[in-house]
Amino acid sequence: MLGLRKEFGRIAAVDGIDLEVPAGGVFGYLGPNGAGKTTSLRMLLGLVRPTSGSVELFGQDPAAVGVAALDGVAGFVENPAFYAYLSGRRNLHLLADMDGGRHHDRVEPVLEIVELDGRGDDKVGTYSQGMRQRLGLAAALLREPRLMLLDEPTNGLDPGGMRDMRRLVATLADEGLTVLLSSHLMNEVEQLCSRLAIVARGRIRFSGTLEELRARQHGPDHLLRVTDVVGALAVAGEVPGVRAEPTAGAAEILVTVDGPGDAARLTVALGRAGIGLLAMLPAAPSLEELFFDLTEGVERRGPTPGRCASSSPSAAPTWAGWRRR
């Protein structure tokens, strides 16, 4: 996607998105509801024409060459739709017919992949929401895609259905398929994705790995639970490379270190001072905290015309305080 923009009247649902999805693995497209994720995917699939900008799928633009650009691409946007009065197997055969009749021999294998081979002859109207989502995945796999676009694939599923869908997506990625996963669920992206982009108000606020996102944050490295807070703060003040501060917890301090060896020296110094170390926990922010740092202010302020927040150093999120989890 390059400079991708889509306007509905005076509203820019997608406002100049630049994004490249690398081959392999699961790429998370994360943002709050209404951020422009689904509109972006619709433009990727040629279902919506951009107001400006361009899309390339393996070097071809759907807006320019039409359906030919979708060779090697599959997926579903929002909820997959099927004929409820037909069986799951019959629905897949009809889809194979619509796609030129090339993939009838794929129906049985994909039903097995999504674990619906035992229910393939049942009417889709009898399927649970989780089964319908898995049938949507099977329909996408009919085309033997290299890239799969999935828009909120666990939406409306119970915890068991979410687990099964995530397991399927992870398995497909492990077998070499590239998956672009649109979601507003932080834990889903954290579990599945090797890289991610965070979008808010139609603009990319961050793109990279989760480790790169966390590296943008500034804050304490460790939470220590100790038997003597006052004594621990005094000891920490004598250890080079260590900075400590109290927390609201009665027996806790937050520690920032210059290097991994500094934390080890602090624990040794505490022991020599007779101060018990009850626990040493990472104080790194969760993806949820990083997500809110990047999007909450944006949602309140709205985008600045002509600027992408992710391109400016001032847009880097700042530490908002360690939240006990």
Protein backbone atom coordinates (compact mmCIF):
# COMPACT_ATOMS: atom_id res chain seq x y z
CA MET A 1 0.00 0.00 0.00
CA LEU A 2 1.45 3.35 -1.01
CA GLY A 3 -0.24 6.63 -0.08
CA LEU A 4 -3.53 4.76 0.18
CA ARG A 5 -6.49 7.01 0.88
CA LYS A 6 -10.24 6.45 0.87
CA GLU A 7 -12.77 9.20 1.43
CA PHE A 8 -16.46 8.75 2.13
CA GLY A 9 -17.86 12.22 1.62
CA ARG A 10 -15.82 14.53 3.86
CA ILE A 11 -14.52 11.67 6.01
CA ALA A 12 -11.14 10.05 5.28
CA ALA A 13 -11.57 6.46 6.47
CA VAL A 14 -8.03 5.68 5.27
CA ASP A 15 -5.70 8.65 5.25
CA GLY A 16 -2.43 8.04 3.37
CA ILE A 17 -1.33 4.58 4.48
CA ASP A 18 2.12 3.32 3.45
CA LEU A 19 2.63 -0.32 4.36
CA GLU A 20 4.62 -3.28 3.06
CA VAL A 21 3.87 -6.79 4.32
CA PRO A 22 6.95 -9.04 4.22
CA ALA A 23 6.63 -12.62 3.00
CA GLY A 24 6.18 -15.35 5.57
CA GLY A 25 4.61 -15.43 9.02
CA VAL A 26 1.62 -13.58 10.42
CA PHE A 27 1.56 -9.80 10.04
CA GLY A 28 -0.78 -8.12 12.53
CA TYR A 29 -2.86 -5.15 11.41
CA LEU A 30 -3.97 -3.78 14.74
CA GLY A 31 -6.27 -0.90 15.51
CA PRO A 32 -9.43 0.10 17.35
CA ASN A 33 -12.81 -0.37 15.71
CA GLY A 34 -13.29 2.28 13.03
CA ALA A 35 -9.55 2.80 12.51
CA GLY A 36 -9.73 1.96 8.80
CA LYS A 37 -8.57 -1.66 8.89
CA THR A 38 -11.50 -3.21 7.03
CA THR A 39 -11.59 -0.43 4.42
CA SER A 40 -7.88 -1.03 3.77
CA LEU A 41 -8.46 -4.74 3.25
CA ARG A 42 -11.37 -4.05 0.91
CA MET A 43 -9.08 -1.90 -1.22
CA LEU A 44 -6.41 -4.62 -1.16
CA LEU A 45 -8.94 -7.09 -2.53
CA GLY A 46 -10.27 -4.68 -5.15
CA LEU A 47 -13.69 -4.48 -3.48
CA VAL A 48 -13.38 -0.71 -2.94
CA ARG A 49 -11.59 1.72 -5.25
CA PRO A 50 -9.10 4.05 -3.51
CA THR A 51 -9.63 7.80 -3.66
CA SER A 52 -5.88 8.06 -4.19
CA GLY A 53 -2.75 5.98 -3.73
CA SER A 54 -2.10 2.47 -4.94
CA VAL A 55 -2.08 -1.19 -3.96
CA GLU A 56 0.26 -3.89 -5.21
CA LEU A 57 -0.30 -7.62 -4.73
CA PHE A 58 2.75 -9.48 -6.02
CA GLY A 59 3.42 -6.52 -8.31
CA GLN A 60 -0.14 -6.03 -9.61
CA ASP A 61 -2.73 -3.38 -8.73
CA PRO A 62 -6.33 -4.69 -8.44
CA ALA A 63 -7.64 -1.26 -9.44
CA ALA A 64 -5.66 -1.45 -12.70
CA VAL A 65 -5.82 -5.11 -13.76
CA GLY A 66 -8.88 -6.32 -11.88
CA VAL A 67 -9.28 -9.88 -10.65
CA ALA A 68 -6.00 -10.99 -12.24
CA ALA A 69 -4.20 -9.21 -9.39
CA LEU A 70 -5.79 -11.62 -6.91
CA ASP A 71 -3.97 -14.66 -8.23
CA GLY A 72 -2.31 -16.17 -5.16
CA VAL A 73 -4.44 -14.08 -2.78
CA ALA A 74 -7.43 -15.21 -0.72
CA GLY A 75 -9.23 -14.44 2.52
CA PHE A 76 -12.39 -12.87 3.84
CA VAL A 77 -13.47 -9.47 5.06
CA GLU A 78 -15.78 -9.37 8.06
CA ASN A 79 -17.94 -12.54 8.22
CA PRO A 80 -17.70 -15.13 5.42
CA ALA A 81 -21.07 -15.74 3.71
CA PHE A 82 -22.42 -19.10 2.55
CA TYR A 83 -25.69 -20.65 1.42
CA ALA A 84 -27.17 -21.79 4.74
CA TYR A 85 -29.46 -24.39 3.12
CA LEU A 86 -26.51 -26.18 1.45
CA SER A 87 -23.87 -28.33 3.07
CA GLY A 88 -20.40 -27.04 3.78
CA ARG A 89 -18.98 -29.41 1.16
CA ARG A 90 -21.49 -28.26 -1.48
CA ASN A 91 -20.71 -24.60 -0.74
CA LEU A 92 -17.01 -25.25 -1.34
CA HIS A 93 -17.72 -27.03 -4.63
CA LEU A 94 -19.82 -24.06 -5.78
CA LEU A 95 -16.98 -21.70 -4.92
CA ALA A 96 -14.60 -23.89 -6.90
CA ASP A 97 -17.00 -23.64 -9.87
CA MET A 98 -17.06 -19.83 -9.58
CA ASP A 99 -13.26 -19.80 -9.58
CA GLY A 100 -13.04 -21.61 -12.91
CA GLY A 101 -13.51 -25.17 -11.65
CA ARG A 102 -9.81 -25.63 -10.96
CA HIS A 103 -9.97 -26.52 -7.29
CA HIS A 104 -12.55 -29.28 -6.83
CA ASP A 105 -9.79 -31.66 -5.79
CA ARG A 106 -8.93 -29.27 -2.95
CA VAL A 107 -12.33 -29.51 -1.22
CA GLU A 108 -11.62 -32.63 0.83
CA PRO A 109 -8.09 -31.59 1.89
CA VAL A 110 -9.19 -28.14 3.07
CA LEU A 111 -12.15 -29.58 5.00
CA GLU A 112 -9.66 -31.80 6.78
CA ILE A 113 -7.27 -28.91 7.47
CA VAL A 114 -10.00 -26.91 9.23
CA GLU A 115 -11.33 -30.04 10.95
CA LEU A 116 -14.75 -29.97 9.27
CA ASP A 117 -14.40 -33.20 7.30
CA GLY A 118 -16.80 -34.89 9.72
CA ARG A 119 -19.44 -32.19 9.25
CA GLY A 120 -18.98 -31.48 5.55
CA ASP A 121 -22.37 -32.93 4.59
CA ASP A 122 -24.28 -30.94 7.23
CA LYS A 123 -26.11 -27.77 6.20
CA VAL A 124 -24.22 -24.59 6.97
CA GLY A 125 -27.36 -23.36 8.73
CA THR A 126 -26.64 -25.91 11.47
CA TYR A 127 -23.04 -24.72 11.95
CA SER A 128 -21.87 -22.73 14.96
CA GLN A 129 -20.21 -19.36 14.41
CA GLY A 130 -16.82 -20.99 14.92
CA MET A 131 -17.57 -23.62 12.29
CA ARG A 132 -18.65 -20.93 9.82
CA GLN A 133 -15.38 -19.07 10.40
CA ARG A 134 -13.42 -22.27 9.81
CA LEU A 135 -15.42 -22.91 6.64
CA GLY A 136 -14.44 -19.39 5.53
CA LEU A 137 -10.82 -20.35 6.09
CA ALA A 138 -11.37 -23.52 4.06
CA ALA A 139 -12.89 -21.48 1.22
CA ALA A 140 -9.83 -19.22 1.20
CA LEU A 141 -7.48 -22.21 1.18
CA LEU A 142 -9.19 -23.65 -1.92
CA ARG A 143 -7.16 -21.25 -4.07
CA GLU A 144 -3.81 -22.40 -2.63
CA PRO A 145 -2.93 -18.78 -1.80
CA ARG A 146 0.47 -17.34 -1.05
CA LEU A 147 -1.14 -14.44 0.83
CA MET A 148 -4.22 -14.70 3.01
CA LEU A 149 -6.12 -11.66 4.29
CA LEU A 150 -8.16 -12.32 7.42
CA ASP A 151 -10.39 -9.62 8.91
CA GLU A 152 -11.20 -10.30 12.58
CA PRO A 153 -11.30 -14.11 12.10
CA THR A 154 -12.10 -14.76 15.78
CA ASN A 155 -14.89 -12.18 15.94
CA GLY A 156 -17.95 -13.58 17.74
CA LEU A 157 -16.26 -16.84 18.74
CA ASP A 158 -16.26 -18.35 22.21
CA PRO A 159 -12.87 -18.96 23.91
CA GLY A 160 -12.62 -22.48 22.48
CA GLY A 161 -13.39 -21.28 18.97
CA MET A 162 -10.85 -18.46 19.29
CA ARG A 163 -8.19 -20.94 20.39
CA ASP A 164 -8.94 -23.25 17.45
CA MET A 165 -8.87 -20.42 14.91
CA ARG A 166 -5.57 -19.07 16.25
CA ARG A 167 -4.06 -22.54 16.14
CA LEU A 168 -5.13 -22.93 12.51
CA VAL A 169 -3.69 -19.55 11.52
CA ALA A 170 -0.39 -20.31 13.27
CA THR A 171 -0.15 -23.70 11.56
CA LEU A 172 -0.73 -22.17 8.12
CA ALA A 173 1.96 -19.56 8.73
CA ASP A 174 4.39 -22.25 9.89
CA GLU A 175 3.82 -24.02 6.57
CA GLY A 176 4.94 -20.95 4.62
CA LEU A 177 1.74 -18.98 4.01
CA THR A 178 1.84 -15.20 4.53
CA VAL A 179 -1.11 -14.05 6.63
CA LEU A 180 -2.26 -10.45 7.02
CA LEU A 181 -4.37 -10.56 10.16
CA SER A 182 -6.61 -7.59 10.95
CA SER A 183 -7.66 -7.46 14.58
CA HIS A 184 -8.54 -5.18 17.47
CA LEU A 185 -7.54 -7.85 20.02
CA MET A 186 -4.11 -7.12 21.45
CA ASN A 187 -3.53 -10.58 22.93
CA GLU A 188 -4.39 -12.19 19.59
CA VAL A 189 -1.75 -10.17 17.77
CA GLU A 190 0.78 -10.75 20.56
CA GLN A 191 0.28 -14.52 20.37
CA LEU A 192 0.35 -14.88 16.59
CA CYS A 193 2.28 -12.11 14.90
CA SER A 194 5.94 -11.79 14.07
CA ARG A 195 5.45 -8.20 12.86
CA LEU A 196 2.64 -5.70 13.20
CA ALA A 197 1.32 -2.31 12.19
CA ILE A 198 -0.84 -0.17 14.46
CA VAL A 199 -3.40 2.04 12.73
CA ALA A 200 -5.57 4.79 14.21
CA ARG A 201 -7.79 7.32 12.44
CA GLY A 202 -6.80 5.84 9.09
CA ARG A 203 -3.05 6.31 9.54
CA ILE A 204 -0.18 4.01 10.46
CA ARG A 205 1.21 4.91 13.88
CA PHE A 206 3.82 2.16 14.06
CA SER A 207 5.11 -0.65 11.84
CA GLY A 208 7.73 -3.19 12.88
CA THR A 209 8.33 -6.01 15.33
CA LEU A 210 6.90 -6.12 18.83
CA GLU A 211 10.46 -5.87 20.17
CA GLU A 212 11.01 -2.68 18.16
CA LEU A 213 7.76 -1.28 19.53
CA ARG A 214 8.77 -2.02 23.10
CA ALA A 215 12.20 -0.48 22.48
CA ARG A 216 10.47 2.86 21.78
CA GLN A 217 9.21 2.96 25.34
CA HIS A 218 11.09 4.54 28.20
CA GLY A 219 10.46 3.25 31.69
CA PRO A 220 11.62 0.93 34.46
CA ASP A 221 12.99 -2.50 33.61
CA HIS A 222 12.13 -4.48 36.75
CA LEU A 223 9.67 -4.58 39.61
CA LEU A 224 11.26 -5.84 42.84
CA ARG A 225 9.32 -7.06 45.85
CA VAL A 226 11.49 -6.71 48.92
CA THR A 227 11.28 -7.05 52.68
CA ASP A 228 12.54 -3.50 53.30
CA VAL A 229 11.64 -0.81 50.77
CA VAL A 230 13.56 2.02 52.44
CA GLY A 231 16.67 -0.10 52.80
CA ALA A 232 16.40 -1.40 49.23
CA LEU A 233 16.16 2.14 47.84
CA ALA A 234 19.27 3.10 49.79
CA VAL A 235 21.20 0.05 48.55
CA ALA A 236 20.12 0.67 44.95
CA GLY A 237 21.42 4.22 45.18
CA GLU A 238 24.91 2.84 45.85
CA VAL A 239 24.99 0.44 42.89
CA PRO A 240 26.38 1.99 39.67
CA GLY A 241 24.03 1.83 36.70
CA VAL A 242 20.92 1.38 38.85
CA ARG A 243 18.09 3.83 39.50
CA ALA A 244 15.21 2.92 41.79
CA GLU A 245 11.93 4.49 42.83
CA PRO A 246 9.13 3.45 45.16
CA THR A 247 5.70 2.37 43.92
CA ALA A 248 2.25 2.49 45.45
CA GLY A 249 2.85 -1.10 46.61
CA ALA A 250 3.92 -1.37 50.23
CA ALA A 251 6.80 -3.76 49.48
CA GLU A 252 7.77 -2.89 45.91
CA ILE A 253 10.29 -0.75 44.06
CA LEU A 254 10.75 -0.02 40.36
CA VAL A 255 14.28 -0.37 39.02
CA THR A 256 15.87 0.96 35.83
CA VAL A 257 19.28 -0.43 34.85
CA ASP A 258 21.86 0.52 32.26
CA GLY A 259 22.71 -3.13 31.48
CA PRO A 260 21.77 -6.69 32.45
CA GLY A 261 24.78 -7.02 34.75
CA ASP A 262 23.57 -4.07 36.84
CA ALA A 263 20.43 -5.94 37.89
CA ALA A 264 22.56 -8.90 39.02
CA ARG A 265 24.82 -6.60 41.05
CA LEU A 266 21.78 -5.07 42.73
CA THR A 267 20.44 -8.46 43.85
CA VAL A 268 23.84 -9.35 45.31
CA ALA A 269 24.01 -6.01 47.15
CA LEU A 270 20.54 -6.51 48.57
CA GLY A 271 21.51 -9.93 49.88
CA ARG A 272 24.67 -8.58 51.52
CA ALA A 273 22.58 -5.88 53.21
CA GLY A 274 20.23 -8.51 54.61
CA ILE A 275 17.26 -7.35 52.53
CA GLY A 276 15.12 -10.19 51.24
CA LEU A 277 14.26 -10.25 47.52
CA LEU A 278 10.79 -11.81 47.31
CA ALA A 279 10.31 -11.42 43.55
CA MET A 280 11.92 -9.78 40.54
CA LEU A 281 9.48 -9.24 37.69
CA PRO A 282 9.83 -7.61 34.26
CA ALA A 283 8.22 -4.18 34.15
CA ALA A 284 8.05 -4.06 30.35
CA PRO A 285 4.71 -2.72 29.12
CA SER A 286 2.23 -5.12 27.57
CA LEU A 287 1.12 -4.75 23.97
CA GLU A 288 -2.15 -3.37 25.33
CA GLU A 289 -0.32 -0.56 27.11
CA LEU A 290 1.78 0.22 24.04
CA PHE A 291 -1.35 0.17 21.88
CA PHE A 292 -3.15 2.69 24.09
CA ASP A 293 -0.08 4.93 24.22
CA LEU A 294 -0.11 5.10 20.42
CA THR A 295 -3.84 5.40 19.79
CA GLU A 296 -5.66 7.00 22.72
CA GLY A 297 -4.29 10.51 22.22
CA VAL A 298 -4.78 10.17 18.47
CA GLU A 299 -8.42 9.18 18.93
CA ARG A 300 -8.98 12.27 21.09
CA ARG A 301 -7.03 14.74 18.92
CA GLY A 302 -7.66 13.38 15.45
CA PRO A 303 -4.98 13.33 12.74
CA THR A 304 -2.98 16.34 11.73
CA PRO A 305 -3.67 17.17 8.06
CA GLY A 306 -0.77 16.23 5.82
CA ARG A 307 1.28 14.42 8.46
CA CYS A 308 1.60 10.77 9.39
CA ALA A 309 2.18 10.47 13.12
CA SER A 310 4.52 7.53 12.72
CA SER A 311 6.97 9.60 10.66
CA SER A 312 7.66 12.16 13.37
CA PRO A 313 9.99 11.63 16.37
CA SER A 314 7.45 13.48 18.50
CA ALA A 315 4.96 10.73 17.77
CA ALA A 316 7.01 8.15 19.67
CA PRO A 317 4.92 6.99 22.62
CA THR A 318 6.11 7.95 26.06
CA TRP A 319 6.09 5.90 29.22
CA ALA A 320 2.73 6.26 30.89
CA GLY A 321 3.65 4.49 34.12
CA TRP A 322 3.98 0.83 34.92
CA ARG A 323 0.59 -0.76 35.42
CA ARG A 324 0.37 -3.76 37.65
CA ARG A 325 -0.97 -6.74 35.76
